[in-house]
């Protein structure tokens, strides 16, 4: 079995059979330099148009110095048009008006400073697939291994290894039973070295629960990776 050959520092990780670099796919960590966005290794984004600012493309409302952060784990797969609508896009909902007067007239800031200073992070786990045009709304946490369907609007937290779809997004099914889900969370393969992940490929590219149990014992049985 050949070792995995992926360079986490590359900008464009796909080379087509004819040797041409596929410029529409990027490792997000290599193209985003934003103080409020954290991205793990090998998480990619694909777009059908040329992009000059990937942070603005995927999180258009998140500004530097905002009270919230966007965290994306390792090995995530983010399709064209997916968007993270972070807390800075929110408006006061308990007041008699939702209009952000202080944005247009700074003298009104005393009324709005408390509301504008509150922001909860948006968190995407590891090995998450976010489909074409999906929208993740403020303060959502998406668990490891989840699948977010195309055009889904996610307003609530998503459990690990759930498949969600629709508007508002609801759980369609769980990808695996409770035992397998627990084993995958225990294995946490995304935290292993790349050579270890390569050795695990026959297991990861299968649905063999017994092989998964053996992998957990091998890599996590003593609490070490």
N, C-alpha and C. Protein backbone atom coordinates (compact mmCIF):
# COMPACT_ATOMS: atom_id res chain seq x y z
N UNK A 1 0.85 -1.19 0.00
CA UNK A 1 0.00 0.00 0.00
C UNK A 1 0.89 1.24 0.00
N UNK A 2 0.62 2.16 -0.94
CA UNK A 2 1.41 3.38 -1.04
C UNK A 2 1.07 4.32 0.10
N UNK A 3 2.08 5.06 0.53
CA UNK A 3 1.85 6.05 1.58
C UNK A 3 0.97 7.17 1.04
N UNK A 4 0.21 7.81 1.94
CA UNK A 4 -0.55 8.99 1.55
C UNK A 4 0.41 10.10 1.14
N UNK A 5 0.12 10.74 0.05
CA UNK A 5 0.97 11.81 -0.44
C UNK A 5 0.14 13.08 -0.57
N UNK A 6 0.06 13.81 0.52
CA UNK A 6 -0.70 15.06 0.52
C UNK A 6 0.13 16.11 1.26
N UNK A 7 0.27 17.26 0.65
CA UNK A 7 1.06 18.34 1.24
C UNK A 7 0.09 19.36 1.84
N UNK A 8 0.06 19.43 3.16
CA UNK A 8 -0.87 20.33 3.85
C UNK A 8 -0.56 21.79 3.57
N UNK A 9 0.64 22.09 3.07
CA UNK A 9 1.03 23.48 2.82
C UNK A 9 0.67 23.94 1.41
N UNK A 10 0.24 23.02 0.57
CA UNK A 10 -0.09 23.39 -0.80
C UNK A 10 -1.31 24.30 -0.83
N UNK A 11 -1.40 25.09 -1.89
CA UNK A 11 -2.58 25.93 -2.08
C UNK A 11 -3.66 25.15 -2.85
N UNK A 12 -3.24 24.50 -3.93
CA UNK A 12 -4.16 23.73 -4.77
C UNK A 12 -3.75 22.26 -4.68
N UNK A 13 -4.52 21.43 -3.97
CA UNK A 13 -4.07 20.06 -3.69
C UNK A 13 -4.39 19.03 -4.76
N UNK A 14 -5.12 19.41 -5.82
CA UNK A 14 -5.51 18.43 -6.83
C UNK A 14 -4.74 18.67 -8.13
N UNK A 15 -4.09 17.63 -8.60
CA UNK A 15 -3.46 17.64 -9.91
C UNK A 15 -4.20 16.65 -10.80
N UNK A 16 -4.71 17.14 -11.92
CA UNK A 16 -5.50 16.31 -12.83
C UNK A 16 -4.60 15.32 -13.57
N UNK A 17 -5.18 14.26 -14.16
CA UNK A 17 -4.37 13.25 -14.86
C UNK A 17 -3.46 13.81 -15.94
N UNK A 18 -3.87 14.95 -16.54
CA UNK A 18 -3.02 15.52 -17.58
C UNK A 18 -1.92 16.41 -17.03
N UNK A 19 -1.80 16.45 -15.68
CA UNK A 19 -0.76 17.24 -15.03
C UNK A 19 -1.17 18.66 -14.70
N UNK A 20 -2.36 19.05 -15.10
CA UNK A 20 -2.84 20.41 -14.84
C UNK A 20 -3.32 20.53 -13.40
N UNK A 21 -3.01 21.65 -12.76
CA UNK A 21 -3.46 21.90 -11.39
C UNK A 21 -4.91 22.37 -11.42
N UNK A 22 -5.72 21.79 -10.56
CA UNK A 22 -7.14 22.18 -10.48
C UNK A 22 -7.25 23.40 -9.56
N UNK A 23 -7.36 24.55 -10.17
CA UNK A 23 -7.25 25.81 -9.41
C UNK A 23 -8.49 26.14 -8.60
N UNK A 24 -9.60 25.46 -8.83
CA UNK A 24 -10.84 25.80 -8.11
C UNK A 24 -10.95 25.12 -6.75
N UNK A 25 -10.01 24.23 -6.44
CA UNK A 25 -10.03 23.55 -5.15
C UNK A 25 -8.80 23.96 -4.35
N UNK A 26 -9.02 24.32 -3.09
CA UNK A 26 -7.92 24.79 -2.24
C UNK A 26 -7.97 24.13 -0.88
N UNK A 27 -6.79 23.97 -0.27
CA UNK A 27 -6.74 23.71 1.17
C UNK A 27 -7.05 25.06 1.83
N UNK A 28 -8.11 25.12 2.61
CA UNK A 28 -8.51 26.41 3.19
C UNK A 28 -7.44 27.00 4.10
N UNK A 29 -6.72 26.15 4.80
CA UNK A 29 -5.70 26.66 5.72
C UNK A 29 -4.62 27.42 4.98
N UNK A 30 -4.39 27.07 3.71
CA UNK A 30 -3.33 27.71 2.94
C UNK A 30 -3.76 29.03 2.33
N UNK A 31 -5.06 29.30 2.29
CA UNK A 31 -5.53 30.50 1.59
C UNK A 31 -6.25 31.49 2.50
N UNK A 32 -6.43 31.13 3.77
CA UNK A 32 -7.12 32.03 4.70
C UNK A 32 -6.15 32.52 5.77
N UNK A 33 -6.05 33.82 5.86
CA UNK A 33 -5.26 34.45 6.92
C UNK A 33 -6.17 35.47 7.58
N UNK A 34 -6.93 35.02 8.56
CA UNK A 34 -7.95 35.83 9.21
C UNK A 34 -7.89 35.55 10.70
N UNK A 35 -7.80 36.59 11.53
CA UNK A 35 -7.61 36.35 12.97
C UNK A 35 -8.79 35.67 13.65
N UNK A 36 -9.95 35.63 13.01
CA UNK A 36 -11.13 35.03 13.63
C UNK A 36 -11.52 33.69 13.01
N UNK A 37 -10.66 33.17 12.13
CA UNK A 37 -10.97 31.89 11.48
C UNK A 37 -9.82 30.92 11.72
N UNK A 38 -10.16 29.73 12.21
CA UNK A 38 -9.20 28.65 12.40
C UNK A 38 -9.60 27.48 11.50
N UNK A 39 -8.65 26.95 10.76
CA UNK A 39 -8.92 25.82 9.86
C UNK A 39 -7.88 24.74 10.08
N UNK A 40 -8.33 23.49 10.17
CA UNK A 40 -7.42 22.37 10.34
C UNK A 40 -6.82 21.93 9.01
N UNK A 41 -5.78 21.12 9.10
CA UNK A 41 -5.10 20.61 7.91
C UNK A 41 -6.06 19.79 7.04
N UNK A 42 -5.85 19.87 5.74
CA UNK A 42 -6.51 19.03 4.74
C UNK A 42 -8.02 19.27 4.62
N UNK A 43 -8.50 20.39 5.09
CA UNK A 43 -9.89 20.77 4.84
C UNK A 43 -9.93 21.59 3.56
N UNK A 44 -10.76 21.16 2.62
CA UNK A 44 -10.75 21.83 1.32
C UNK A 44 -12.08 22.52 1.02
N UNK A 45 -11.98 23.49 0.12
CA UNK A 45 -13.16 24.20 -0.40
C UNK A 45 -13.07 24.21 -1.91
N UNK A 46 -14.19 24.00 -2.56
CA UNK A 46 -14.25 24.03 -4.02
C UNK A 46 -15.24 25.09 -4.47
N UNK A 47 -14.85 25.91 -5.43
CA UNK A 47 -15.74 26.94 -5.97
C UNK A 47 -15.68 26.89 -7.48
N UNK A 48 -16.77 27.25 -8.13
CA UNK A 48 -16.81 27.23 -9.59
C UNK A 48 -16.38 28.56 -10.20
N UNK A 49 -16.10 29.55 -9.36
CA UNK A 49 -15.65 30.85 -9.84
C UNK A 49 -14.29 31.16 -9.22
N UNK A 50 -13.58 32.08 -9.83
CA UNK A 50 -12.30 32.52 -9.26
C UNK A 50 -12.57 33.27 -7.96
N UNK A 51 -11.79 32.99 -6.94
CA UNK A 51 -11.97 33.61 -5.63
C UNK A 51 -10.69 34.34 -5.26
N UNK A 52 -10.82 35.59 -4.83
CA UNK A 52 -9.65 36.35 -4.40
C UNK A 52 -9.54 36.41 -2.88
N UNK A 53 -10.66 36.25 -2.18
CA UNK A 53 -10.67 36.32 -0.71
C UNK A 53 -11.55 35.18 -0.20
N UNK A 54 -10.91 34.09 0.19
CA UNK A 54 -11.66 32.91 0.62
C UNK A 54 -12.36 33.12 1.96
N UNK A 55 -11.78 33.91 2.84
CA UNK A 55 -12.44 34.19 4.11
C UNK A 55 -13.76 34.91 3.86
N UNK A 56 -13.73 35.91 2.99
CA UNK A 56 -14.95 36.65 2.68
C UNK A 56 -15.95 35.80 1.92
N UNK A 57 -15.46 34.83 1.14
CA UNK A 57 -16.37 33.99 0.38
C UNK A 57 -17.16 33.05 1.29
N UNK A 58 -16.47 32.41 2.24
CA UNK A 58 -17.18 31.42 3.06
C UNK A 58 -17.81 32.02 4.31
N UNK A 59 -17.28 33.14 4.80
CA UNK A 59 -17.81 33.77 6.02
C UNK A 59 -17.89 35.28 5.80
N UNK A 60 -18.81 35.75 4.97
CA UNK A 60 -18.82 37.15 4.54
C UNK A 60 -19.11 38.16 5.63
N UNK A 61 -19.67 37.72 6.75
CA UNK A 61 -20.03 38.67 7.81
C UNK A 61 -19.03 38.72 8.95
N UNK A 62 -18.01 37.89 8.88
CA UNK A 62 -17.05 37.80 9.98
C UNK A 62 -15.89 38.77 9.73
N UNK A 63 -15.80 39.79 10.58
CA UNK A 63 -14.74 40.78 10.41
C UNK A 63 -13.65 40.57 11.45
N UNK A 64 -12.46 41.03 11.15
CA UNK A 64 -11.34 40.91 12.08
C UNK A 64 -11.67 41.65 13.36
N UNK A 65 -11.48 40.98 14.49
CA UNK A 65 -11.78 41.60 15.77
C UNK A 65 -13.20 41.38 16.24
N UNK A 66 -14.00 40.65 15.49
CA UNK A 66 -15.37 40.34 15.91
C UNK A 66 -15.34 39.52 17.20
N UNK A 67 -16.43 39.54 17.96
CA UNK A 67 -16.43 38.80 19.24
C UNK A 67 -16.53 37.29 19.08
N UNK A 68 -16.77 36.80 17.86
CA UNK A 68 -16.89 35.36 17.67
C UNK A 68 -15.81 34.85 16.73
N UNK A 69 -15.67 33.52 16.69
CA UNK A 69 -14.70 32.87 15.81
C UNK A 69 -15.41 31.77 15.01
N UNK A 70 -14.81 31.46 13.88
CA UNK A 70 -15.23 30.32 13.08
C UNK A 70 -14.12 29.28 13.14
N UNK A 71 -14.47 28.08 13.60
CA UNK A 71 -13.49 27.00 13.72
C UNK A 71 -13.91 25.85 12.83
N UNK A 72 -13.01 25.45 11.95
CA UNK A 72 -13.24 24.34 11.03
C UNK A 72 -12.18 23.29 11.29
N UNK A 73 -12.59 22.06 11.49
CA UNK A 73 -11.65 21.00 11.84
C UNK A 73 -10.84 20.50 10.66
N UNK A 74 -10.23 19.35 10.83
CA UNK A 74 -9.38 18.74 9.81
C UNK A 74 -10.22 17.88 8.86
N UNK A 75 -9.72 17.74 7.62
CA UNK A 75 -10.30 16.84 6.63
C UNK A 75 -11.76 17.15 6.31
N UNK A 76 -12.15 18.41 6.40
CA UNK A 76 -13.52 18.79 6.04
C UNK A 76 -13.62 19.00 4.53
N UNK A 77 -14.81 18.80 4.02
CA UNK A 77 -15.06 18.90 2.58
C UNK A 77 -16.19 19.91 2.40
N UNK A 78 -15.87 21.08 1.86
CA UNK A 78 -16.83 22.17 1.79
C UNK A 78 -17.07 22.51 0.33
N UNK A 79 -18.32 22.35 -0.10
CA UNK A 79 -18.66 22.48 -1.51
C UNK A 79 -18.92 23.92 -1.91
N UNK A 80 -18.97 24.11 -3.20
CA UNK A 80 -19.25 25.40 -3.81
C UNK A 80 -20.47 26.08 -3.17
N UNK A 81 -20.30 27.34 -2.83
CA UNK A 81 -21.43 28.14 -2.35
C UNK A 81 -21.80 27.97 -0.90
N UNK A 82 -21.13 27.08 -0.18
CA UNK A 82 -21.43 26.94 1.25
C UNK A 82 -21.04 28.22 1.98
N UNK A 83 -21.85 28.62 2.95
CA UNK A 83 -21.62 29.87 3.67
C UNK A 83 -21.78 29.66 5.18
N UNK A 84 -20.95 30.38 5.92
CA UNK A 84 -21.07 30.41 7.38
C UNK A 84 -21.54 31.81 7.75
N UNK A 85 -22.76 31.91 8.25
CA UNK A 85 -23.32 33.19 8.68
C UNK A 85 -23.05 33.30 10.17
N UNK A 86 -22.02 34.04 10.54
CA UNK A 86 -21.57 34.09 11.93
C UNK A 86 -22.35 35.14 12.73
N UNK A 87 -22.08 35.19 14.02
CA UNK A 87 -22.87 36.00 14.93
C UNK A 87 -22.88 37.49 14.59
N UNK A 88 -21.83 37.97 13.94
CA UNK A 88 -21.79 39.39 13.60
C UNK A 88 -22.87 39.79 12.60
N UNK A 89 -23.45 38.81 11.93
CA UNK A 89 -24.54 39.09 11.00
C UNK A 89 -25.89 39.20 11.72
N UNK A 90 -25.90 38.86 13.00
CA UNK A 90 -27.16 38.83 13.74
C UNK A 90 -27.65 40.23 14.07
N UNK A 91 -28.95 40.34 14.31
CA UNK A 91 -29.57 41.59 14.73
C UNK A 91 -30.30 41.35 16.05
N UNK A 92 -30.49 42.37 16.86
CA UNK A 92 -31.25 42.17 18.11
C UNK A 92 -32.66 41.67 17.80
N UNK A 93 -33.02 40.58 18.45
CA UNK A 93 -34.34 39.98 18.16
C UNK A 93 -35.35 40.18 19.28
N UNK A 94 -34.88 40.61 20.46
CA UNK A 94 -35.80 40.78 21.58
C UNK A 94 -36.31 42.21 21.69
N UNK A 95 -35.70 43.12 20.91
CA UNK A 95 -36.11 44.51 21.00
C UNK A 95 -37.32 44.77 20.11
N UNK A 96 -37.86 45.98 20.19
CA UNK A 96 -38.99 46.36 19.36
C UNK A 96 -38.59 46.62 17.92
N UNK A 97 -37.27 46.80 17.67
CA UNK A 97 -36.76 46.94 16.31
C UNK A 97 -35.55 46.05 16.13
N UNK A 98 -35.40 45.52 14.92
CA UNK A 98 -34.19 44.75 14.60
C UNK A 98 -33.19 45.59 13.82
N UNK A 99 -33.51 46.84 13.53
CA UNK A 99 -32.65 47.67 12.70
C UNK A 99 -31.38 48.08 13.45
N UNK A 100 -30.19 47.88 12.86
CA UNK A 100 -28.93 48.19 13.55
C UNK A 100 -28.54 49.66 13.40
N UNK A 101 -29.25 50.54 14.08
CA UNK A 101 -29.03 51.98 13.92
C UNK A 101 -27.58 52.39 14.14
N UNK A 102 -26.90 51.76 15.09
CA UNK A 102 -25.53 52.17 15.43
C UNK A 102 -24.54 51.94 14.29
N UNK A 103 -24.87 51.01 13.39
CA UNK A 103 -23.99 50.78 12.23
C UNK A 103 -23.93 52.02 11.36
N UNK A 104 -25.02 52.76 11.30
CA UNK A 104 -25.11 53.92 10.42
C UNK A 104 -24.95 55.25 11.14
N UNK A 105 -25.09 55.22 12.45
CA UNK A 105 -24.95 56.43 13.26
C UNK A 105 -24.26 56.04 14.56
N UNK A 106 -22.95 56.29 14.63
CA UNK A 106 -22.16 55.84 15.79
C UNK A 106 -22.62 56.44 17.10
N UNK A 107 -23.34 57.56 17.06
CA UNK A 107 -23.83 58.16 18.29
C UNK A 107 -24.86 57.28 18.99
N UNK A 108 -25.40 56.30 18.28
CA UNK A 108 -26.39 55.39 18.87
C UNK A 108 -25.75 54.16 19.51
N UNK A 109 -24.41 54.09 19.45
CA UNK A 109 -23.73 52.90 19.94
C UNK A 109 -24.03 52.57 21.41
N UNK A 110 -24.22 53.57 22.30
CA UNK A 110 -24.53 53.19 23.69
C UNK A 110 -25.73 52.25 23.81
N UNK A 111 -26.67 52.34 22.91
CA UNK A 111 -27.83 51.45 22.96
C UNK A 111 -27.52 50.06 22.42
N UNK A 112 -26.49 49.99 21.60
CA UNK A 112 -26.24 48.75 20.87
C UNK A 112 -24.96 48.03 21.29
N UNK A 113 -24.14 48.67 22.08
CA UNK A 113 -22.81 48.11 22.35
C UNK A 113 -22.90 46.72 22.99
N UNK A 114 -23.83 46.54 23.91
CA UNK A 114 -23.93 45.24 24.56
C UNK A 114 -24.34 44.16 23.57
N UNK A 115 -25.33 44.46 22.73
CA UNK A 115 -25.79 43.47 21.75
C UNK A 115 -24.70 43.16 20.73
N UNK A 116 -23.93 44.17 20.33
CA UNK A 116 -22.90 43.96 19.32
C UNK A 116 -21.67 43.24 19.87
N UNK A 117 -21.50 43.24 21.16
CA UNK A 117 -20.30 42.64 21.75
C UNK A 117 -20.48 41.17 22.07
N UNK A 118 -21.69 40.66 21.89
CA UNK A 118 -21.98 39.26 22.22
C UNK A 118 -21.92 38.43 20.95
N UNK A 119 -21.09 37.42 20.96
CA UNK A 119 -21.02 36.53 19.80
C UNK A 119 -20.51 35.17 20.21
N UNK A 120 -21.26 34.13 19.86
CA UNK A 120 -20.81 32.76 20.12
C UNK A 120 -20.15 32.19 18.88
N UNK A 121 -19.16 31.36 19.10
CA UNK A 121 -18.41 30.79 18.00
C UNK A 121 -19.25 29.82 17.17
N UNK A 122 -18.85 29.65 15.92
CA UNK A 122 -19.38 28.61 15.06
C UNK A 122 -18.30 27.55 14.94
N UNK A 123 -18.67 26.30 15.13
CA UNK A 123 -17.67 25.24 15.20
C UNK A 123 -18.04 24.08 14.29
N UNK A 124 -17.12 23.71 13.43
CA UNK A 124 -17.29 22.57 12.52
C UNK A 124 -16.26 21.51 12.91
N UNK A 125 -16.73 20.30 13.15
CA UNK A 125 -15.83 19.23 13.59
C UNK A 125 -14.92 18.74 12.48
N UNK A 126 -14.38 17.55 12.67
CA UNK A 126 -13.46 16.94 11.71
C UNK A 126 -14.24 16.02 10.75
N UNK A 127 -13.71 15.90 9.53
CA UNK A 127 -14.30 14.98 8.54
C UNK A 127 -15.78 15.30 8.30
N UNK A 128 -16.10 16.57 8.19
CA UNK A 128 -17.47 17.01 7.94
C UNK A 128 -17.63 17.33 6.46
N UNK A 129 -18.71 16.88 5.87
CA UNK A 129 -19.02 17.19 4.48
C UNK A 129 -20.17 18.18 4.45
N UNK A 130 -19.90 19.37 3.91
CA UNK A 130 -20.92 20.41 3.79
C UNK A 130 -21.25 20.58 2.31
N UNK A 131 -22.49 20.30 1.94
CA UNK A 131 -22.89 20.23 0.56
C UNK A 131 -23.06 21.58 -0.11
N UNK A 132 -23.27 21.54 -1.40
CA UNK A 132 -23.38 22.72 -2.26
C UNK A 132 -24.45 23.69 -1.75
N UNK A 133 -24.03 24.92 -1.52
CA UNK A 133 -24.97 25.97 -1.16
C UNK A 133 -25.54 25.88 0.24
N UNK A 134 -25.01 25.01 1.08
CA UNK A 134 -25.52 24.91 2.46
C UNK A 134 -25.16 26.18 3.24
N UNK A 135 -26.01 26.53 4.19
CA UNK A 135 -25.80 27.71 5.02
C UNK A 135 -25.79 27.28 6.49
N UNK A 136 -24.71 27.62 7.17
CA UNK A 136 -24.60 27.33 8.61
C UNK A 136 -24.84 28.65 9.34
N UNK A 137 -25.87 28.69 10.15
CA UNK A 137 -26.27 29.93 10.82
C UNK A 137 -25.46 30.15 12.11
N UNK A 138 -25.58 31.35 12.71
CA UNK A 138 -24.74 31.69 13.87
C UNK A 138 -24.87 30.70 15.03
N UNK A 139 -23.74 30.50 15.70
CA UNK A 139 -23.66 29.79 16.97
C UNK A 139 -23.88 28.28 16.83
N UNK A 140 -23.82 27.76 15.62
CA UNK A 140 -24.05 26.33 15.41
C UNK A 140 -22.75 25.56 15.62
N UNK A 141 -22.88 24.36 16.17
CA UNK A 141 -21.77 23.41 16.28
C UNK A 141 -22.13 22.16 15.48
N UNK A 142 -21.29 21.81 14.53
CA UNK A 142 -21.50 20.61 13.72
C UNK A 142 -20.50 19.56 14.17
N UNK A 143 -20.98 18.39 14.55
CA UNK A 143 -20.12 17.36 15.10
C UNK A 143 -19.27 16.65 14.07
N UNK A 144 -18.32 15.89 14.54
CA UNK A 144 -17.41 15.13 13.66
C UNK A 144 -18.20 14.20 12.73
N UNK A 145 -17.71 14.08 11.49
CA UNK A 145 -18.27 13.10 10.59
C UNK A 145 -19.67 13.37 10.09
N UNK A 146 -20.21 14.55 10.37
CA UNK A 146 -21.57 14.86 9.94
C UNK A 146 -21.60 15.17 8.44
N UNK A 147 -22.77 15.00 7.85
CA UNK A 147 -23.01 15.37 6.46
C UNK A 147 -24.14 16.38 6.43
N UNK A 148 -23.87 17.53 5.82
CA UNK A 148 -24.88 18.59 5.68
C UNK A 148 -25.29 18.63 4.22
N UNK A 149 -26.56 18.36 3.95
CA UNK A 149 -27.04 18.25 2.58
C UNK A 149 -26.99 19.57 1.82
N UNK A 150 -26.99 19.46 0.49
CA UNK A 150 -26.99 20.63 -0.37
C UNK A 150 -28.19 21.52 -0.06
N UNK A 151 -27.94 22.82 0.01
CA UNK A 151 -28.95 23.85 0.24
C UNK A 151 -29.58 23.78 1.63
N UNK A 152 -29.04 22.96 2.51
CA UNK A 152 -29.56 22.90 3.88
C UNK A 152 -29.30 24.22 4.59
N UNK A 153 -30.20 24.59 5.48
CA UNK A 153 -30.02 25.77 6.32
C UNK A 153 -29.97 25.27 7.76
N UNK A 154 -28.78 25.30 8.33
CA UNK A 154 -28.54 24.67 9.63
C UNK A 154 -28.63 25.72 10.74
N UNK A 155 -29.66 25.61 11.54
CA UNK A 155 -29.89 26.58 12.60
C UNK A 155 -29.64 26.01 13.99
N UNK A 156 -29.46 24.69 14.07
CA UNK A 156 -29.24 24.04 15.36
C UNK A 156 -28.01 23.14 15.27
N UNK A 157 -27.48 22.80 16.45
CA UNK A 157 -26.31 21.93 16.49
C UNK A 157 -26.60 20.59 15.80
N UNK A 158 -25.57 20.04 15.18
CA UNK A 158 -25.68 18.77 14.46
C UNK A 158 -24.85 17.72 15.19
N UNK A 159 -25.46 16.59 15.57
CA UNK A 159 -24.69 15.56 16.26
C UNK A 159 -23.62 14.96 15.37
N UNK A 160 -22.58 14.42 15.97
CA UNK A 160 -21.56 13.72 15.21
C UNK A 160 -22.17 12.58 14.41
N UNK A 161 -21.74 12.45 13.17
CA UNK A 161 -22.14 11.38 12.27
C UNK A 161 -23.64 11.37 11.94
N UNK A 162 -24.25 12.56 12.02
CA UNK A 162 -25.63 12.71 11.56
C UNK A 162 -25.65 13.20 10.13
N UNK A 163 -26.71 12.87 9.41
CA UNK A 163 -26.97 13.42 8.08
C UNK A 163 -28.14 14.37 8.23
N UNK A 164 -27.92 15.64 7.89
CA UNK A 164 -28.99 16.63 8.01
C UNK A 164 -29.28 17.24 6.65
N UNK A 165 -30.55 17.63 6.45
CA UNK A 165 -30.97 18.23 5.19
C UNK A 165 -32.21 19.06 5.44
N UNK A 166 -32.48 19.98 4.49
CA UNK A 166 -33.71 20.75 4.54
C UNK A 166 -33.55 22.13 5.12
N UNK A 167 -34.65 22.86 5.18
CA UNK A 167 -34.72 24.22 5.73
C UNK A 167 -35.98 24.36 6.57
N UNK A 168 -35.82 24.43 7.89
CA UNK A 168 -34.56 24.30 8.64
C UNK A 168 -34.07 22.85 8.62
N UNK A 169 -32.76 22.69 8.68
CA UNK A 169 -32.18 21.36 8.57
C UNK A 169 -32.59 20.48 9.75
N UNK A 170 -32.98 19.27 9.44
CA UNK A 170 -33.29 18.27 10.45
C UNK A 170 -32.51 17.01 10.18
N UNK A 171 -32.39 16.16 11.18
CA UNK A 171 -31.64 14.92 11.03
C UNK A 171 -32.43 13.92 10.19
N UNK A 172 -31.84 13.53 9.09
CA UNK A 172 -32.47 12.53 8.22
C UNK A 172 -32.21 11.13 8.77
N UNK A 173 -30.99 10.91 9.18
CA UNK A 173 -30.61 9.63 9.77
C UNK A 173 -29.24 9.79 10.40
N UNK A 174 -28.85 8.79 11.18
CA UNK A 174 -27.49 8.69 11.67
C UNK A 174 -26.71 7.79 10.71
N UNK A 175 -25.47 8.16 10.45
CA UNK A 175 -24.68 7.39 9.49
C UNK A 175 -24.39 5.98 9.98
N UNK A 176 -24.17 5.83 11.30
CA UNK A 176 -23.80 4.54 11.86
C UNK A 176 -24.56 4.33 13.16
N UNK A 177 -24.53 3.11 13.66
CA UNK A 177 -25.16 2.86 14.95
C UNK A 177 -24.30 3.44 16.07
N UNK A 178 -24.83 3.42 17.28
CA UNK A 178 -24.18 4.09 18.41
C UNK A 178 -22.79 3.51 18.70
N UNK A 179 -22.64 2.19 18.56
CA UNK A 179 -21.34 1.56 18.85
C UNK A 179 -20.28 2.03 17.86
N UNK A 180 -20.61 2.00 16.57
CA UNK A 180 -19.64 2.41 15.56
C UNK A 180 -19.30 3.89 15.69
N UNK A 181 -20.31 4.70 15.95
CA UNK A 181 -20.06 6.13 16.15
C UNK A 181 -19.09 6.36 17.30
N UNK A 182 -19.30 5.65 18.41
CA UNK A 182 -18.41 5.79 19.57
C UNK A 182 -16.99 5.33 19.22
N UNK A 183 -16.87 4.26 18.44
CA UNK A 183 -15.55 3.78 18.04
C UNK A 183 -14.83 4.81 17.16
N UNK A 184 -15.56 5.41 16.23
CA UNK A 184 -14.96 6.43 15.36
C UNK A 184 -14.51 7.64 16.16
N UNK A 185 -15.32 8.06 17.13
CA UNK A 185 -14.93 9.18 17.97
C UNK A 185 -13.71 8.83 18.80
N UNK A 186 -13.64 7.58 19.26
CA UNK A 186 -12.49 7.14 20.05
C UNK A 186 -11.24 7.07 19.19
N UNK A 187 -11.38 6.56 17.98
CA UNK A 187 -10.23 6.45 17.09
C UNK A 187 -9.69 7.83 16.72
N UNK A 188 -10.59 8.79 16.45
CA UNK A 188 -10.19 10.15 16.08
C UNK A 188 -9.04 10.11 15.07
N UNK A 189 -9.28 9.41 13.96
CA UNK A 189 -8.20 9.16 12.99
C UNK A 189 -7.58 10.44 12.46
N UNK A 190 -8.34 11.53 12.47
CA UNK A 190 -7.84 12.80 11.95
C UNK A 190 -6.69 13.38 12.77
N UNK A 191 -6.52 12.86 13.98
CA UNK A 191 -5.42 13.33 14.83
C UNK A 191 -4.18 12.44 14.71
N UNK A 192 -4.26 11.38 13.94
CA UNK A 192 -3.10 10.51 13.74
C UNK A 192 -2.14 11.12 12.72
N UNK A 193 -0.93 10.60 12.69
CA UNK A 193 0.03 11.03 11.67
C UNK A 193 -0.44 10.57 10.29
N UNK A 194 0.04 11.24 9.26
CA UNK A 194 -0.41 10.93 7.91
C UNK A 194 -0.03 9.50 7.52
N UNK A 195 1.13 9.02 7.98
CA UNK A 195 1.51 7.65 7.66
C UNK A 195 0.60 6.65 8.35
N UNK A 196 0.13 6.99 9.56
CA UNK A 196 -0.81 6.11 10.26
C UNK A 196 -2.17 6.11 9.57
N UNK A 197 -2.58 7.28 9.11
CA UNK A 197 -3.85 7.35 8.38
C UNK A 197 -3.76 6.52 7.10
N UNK A 198 -2.60 6.59 6.43
CA UNK A 198 -2.41 5.78 5.23
C UNK A 198 -2.53 4.29 5.54
N UNK A 199 -1.95 3.87 6.65
CA UNK A 199 -2.04 2.47 7.05
C UNK A 199 -3.47 2.06 7.39
N UNK A 200 -4.26 3.04 7.82
CA UNK A 200 -5.66 2.79 8.18
C UNK A 200 -6.60 2.82 6.98
N UNK A 201 -6.10 3.16 5.81
CA UNK A 201 -6.98 3.37 4.66
C UNK A 201 -7.88 2.18 4.36
N UNK A 202 -7.40 0.93 4.47
CA UNK A 202 -8.30 -0.20 4.22
C UNK A 202 -9.48 -0.23 5.19
N UNK A 203 -9.30 0.32 6.37
CA UNK A 203 -10.40 0.38 7.34
C UNK A 203 -11.29 1.58 7.06
N UNK A 204 -10.66 2.75 6.86
CA UNK A 204 -11.44 3.98 6.66
C UNK A 204 -12.28 3.90 5.38
N UNK A 205 -11.76 3.22 4.37
CA UNK A 205 -12.49 3.09 3.11
C UNK A 205 -13.31 1.80 3.10
N UNK A 206 -13.93 1.50 4.24
CA UNK A 206 -14.75 0.30 4.36
C UNK A 206 -15.86 0.57 5.37
N UNK A 207 -16.70 -0.44 5.58
CA UNK A 207 -17.71 -0.38 6.64
C UNK A 207 -17.55 -1.60 7.53
N UNK A 208 -16.30 -2.02 7.74
CA UNK A 208 -15.97 -3.23 8.49
C UNK A 208 -15.83 -2.88 9.98
N UNK A 209 -16.87 -3.15 10.75
CA UNK A 209 -16.88 -2.76 12.16
C UNK A 209 -15.83 -3.51 12.96
N UNK A 210 -15.58 -4.78 12.62
CA UNK A 210 -14.57 -5.54 13.37
C UNK A 210 -13.18 -4.97 13.13
N UNK A 211 -12.90 -4.55 11.88
CA UNK A 211 -11.61 -3.93 11.59
C UNK A 211 -11.49 -2.59 12.30
N UNK A 212 -12.59 -1.88 12.42
CA UNK A 212 -12.58 -0.61 13.14
C UNK A 212 -12.26 -0.84 14.61
N UNK A 213 -12.87 -1.86 15.21
CA UNK A 213 -12.58 -2.17 16.62
C UNK A 213 -11.10 -2.48 16.81
N UNK A 214 -10.54 -3.25 15.89
CA UNK A 214 -9.11 -3.59 15.98
C UNK A 214 -8.25 -2.35 15.83
N UNK A 215 -8.65 -1.43 14.98
CA UNK A 215 -7.88 -0.20 14.80
C UNK A 215 -7.91 0.65 16.06
N UNK A 216 -9.05 0.69 16.72
CA UNK A 216 -9.14 1.46 17.96
C UNK A 216 -8.22 0.87 19.02
N UNK A 217 -8.18 -0.46 19.12
CA UNK A 217 -7.30 -1.11 20.09
C UNK A 217 -5.84 -0.81 19.74
N UNK A 218 -5.52 -0.87 18.45
CA UNK A 218 -4.13 -0.67 18.04
C UNK A 218 -3.67 0.76 18.30
N UNK A 219 -4.49 1.74 17.95
CA UNK A 219 -4.05 3.12 18.01
C UNK A 219 -4.46 3.85 19.27
N UNK A 220 -5.50 3.39 19.93
CA UNK A 220 -6.01 4.14 21.09
C UNK A 220 -6.16 3.29 22.33
N UNK A 221 -5.82 2.01 22.23
CA UNK A 221 -6.03 1.14 23.37
C UNK A 221 -5.28 1.53 24.61
N UNK A 222 -4.08 2.13 24.41
CA UNK A 222 -3.29 2.55 25.57
C UNK A 222 -3.41 4.05 25.81
N UNK A 223 -4.36 4.68 25.09
CA UNK A 223 -4.57 6.13 25.30
C UNK A 223 -3.62 7.00 24.54
N UNK A 224 -2.77 6.37 23.68
CA UNK A 224 -1.81 7.15 22.89
C UNK A 224 -2.11 6.98 21.41
N UNK A 225 -1.78 8.01 20.62
CA UNK A 225 -1.96 7.93 19.17
C UNK A 225 -0.70 7.56 18.49
